[in-house]
Amino acid sequence: MNINSLRAMQQGGAGFDVIAAADGEQSNTKNWSAIKAIGDDADLKAESTVAESLSTTGAYSGSALTLGQGDVVYGSFSKITVSSGTVLAYRI
């Protein structure tokens, strides 16, 4: 990742997606670099492109984890499923 990519990521320059429970599984060819719970706590799981996925088992097939309102998780995610609440997913 170069310095321009880092700057864009810090500022949300690549855009973001609002994902709610009603949206079902979301995938994006550009991937996401961060996920933030907005409005309330959010239950979600996310598939990582570089490490263990965000779930109760570390695999995308595991159960959802709770992200507290305002909490942010950083990584490289290619798939997100929100089972309750709403998240803001920052694109890479």
Protein backbone atom coordinates (compact mmCIF):
# COMPACT_ATOMS: atom_id res chain seq x y z
CA MET A 1 0.00 0.00 0.00
CA ASN A 2 1.43 3.40 -0.93
CA ILE A 3 1.14 6.71 0.94
CA ASN A 4 -1.69 7.96 -1.31
CA SER A 5 -3.74 4.86 -0.49
CA LEU A 6 -3.15 5.47 3.22
CA ARG A 7 -4.26 9.09 2.94
CA ALA A 8 -7.40 8.11 1.04
CA MET A 9 -8.19 5.46 3.64
CA GLN A 10 -7.78 7.95 6.52
CA GLN A 11 -10.13 10.43 4.90
CA GLY A 12 -12.64 7.95 3.51
CA GLY A 13 -11.45 9.06 0.09
CA ALA A 14 -12.29 5.73 -1.53
CA GLY A 15 -15.87 5.97 -0.27
CA PHE A 16 -17.89 3.89 2.13
CA ASP A 17 -20.98 1.72 2.29
CA VAL A 18 -23.75 1.78 4.89
CA ILE A 19 -24.72 -1.85 5.53
CA ALA A 20 -27.74 -2.83 7.63
CA ALA A 21 -29.09 -6.20 8.71
CA ALA A 22 -31.78 -6.07 6.01
CA ASP A 23 -29.11 -5.78 3.28
CA GLY A 24 -27.91 -9.40 3.58
CA GLU A 25 -24.40 -10.49 2.66
CA GLN A 26 -22.38 -7.77 0.94
CA SER A 27 -19.26 -8.24 -1.12
CA ASN A 28 -17.23 -5.65 -2.96
CA THR A 29 -14.49 -6.00 -5.56
CA LYS A 30 -12.57 -3.15 -3.90
CA ASN A 31 -12.70 -4.59 -0.34
CA TRP A 32 -13.11 -2.61 2.88
CA SER A 33 -10.41 -1.39 5.26
CA ALA A 34 -12.53 -0.65 8.33
CA ILE A 35 -15.96 -1.37 9.76
CA LYS A 36 -17.67 0.97 12.26
CA ALA A 37 -20.89 0.28 14.18
CA ILE A 38 -23.20 3.29 13.84
CA GLY A 39 -26.44 4.19 15.58
CA ASP A 40 -26.32 1.23 17.98
CA ASP A 41 -24.41 -2.01 18.58
CA ALA A 42 -24.07 -4.22 15.50
CA ASP A 43 -23.81 -7.99 15.18
CA LEU A 44 -21.74 -8.91 12.16
CA LYS A 45 -19.22 -11.20 10.59
CA ALA A 46 -16.68 -10.23 7.97
CA GLU A 47 -14.37 -12.25 5.75
CA SER A 48 -10.74 -11.16 5.93
CA THR A 49 -8.50 -11.25 2.88
CA VAL A 50 -5.26 -11.49 4.91
CA ALA A 51 -5.94 -13.06 8.31
CA GLU A 52 -8.64 -14.76 10.34
CA SER A 53 -12.14 -13.59 9.60
CA LEU A 54 -14.19 -11.53 12.04
CA SER A 55 -16.52 -14.08 13.69
CA THR A 56 -16.73 -16.22 16.82
CA THR A 57 -14.50 -18.90 15.27
CA GLY A 58 -12.11 -16.88 13.10
CA ALA A 59 -13.77 -18.37 10.01
CA TYR A 60 -16.47 -16.61 7.98
CA SER A 61 -18.76 -19.60 8.62
CA GLY A 62 -18.72 -18.80 12.37
CA SER A 63 -21.35 -16.84 14.26
CA ALA A 64 -21.56 -13.05 14.32
CA LEU A 65 -19.65 -10.91 16.83
CA THR A 66 -21.03 -7.79 18.53
CA LEU A 67 -19.36 -4.49 17.71
CA GLY A 68 -20.31 -1.75 20.19
CA GLN A 69 -21.72 1.54 18.94
CA GLY A 70 -18.87 3.68 17.63
CA ASP A 71 -16.34 0.82 17.74
CA VAL A 72 -14.15 0.35 14.67
CA VAL A 73 -12.37 -2.78 13.44
CA TYR A 74 -9.53 -2.33 10.94
CA GLY A 75 -8.39 -4.93 8.42
CA SER A 76 -8.93 -6.00 4.85
CA PHE A 77 -12.43 -7.39 4.38
CA SER A 78 -14.01 -8.82 1.23
CA LYS A 79 -17.43 -9.86 2.57
CA ILE A 80 -19.66 -8.46 5.36
CA THR A 81 -22.90 -9.79 6.80
CA VAL A 82 -24.74 -7.72 9.43
CA SER A 83 -27.34 -9.66 11.44
CA SER A 84 -28.47 -6.70 13.58
CA GLY A 85 -27.72 -2.99 13.62
CA THR A 86 -25.93 -0.93 10.99
CA VAL A 87 -22.28 -0.47 10.05
CA LEU A 88 -20.26 1.95 7.98
CA ALA A 89 -17.71 0.04 5.87
CA TYR A 90 -14.80 2.07 4.47
CA ARG A 91 -13.64 1.04 0.98
CA ILE A 92 -10.00 0.52 0.09
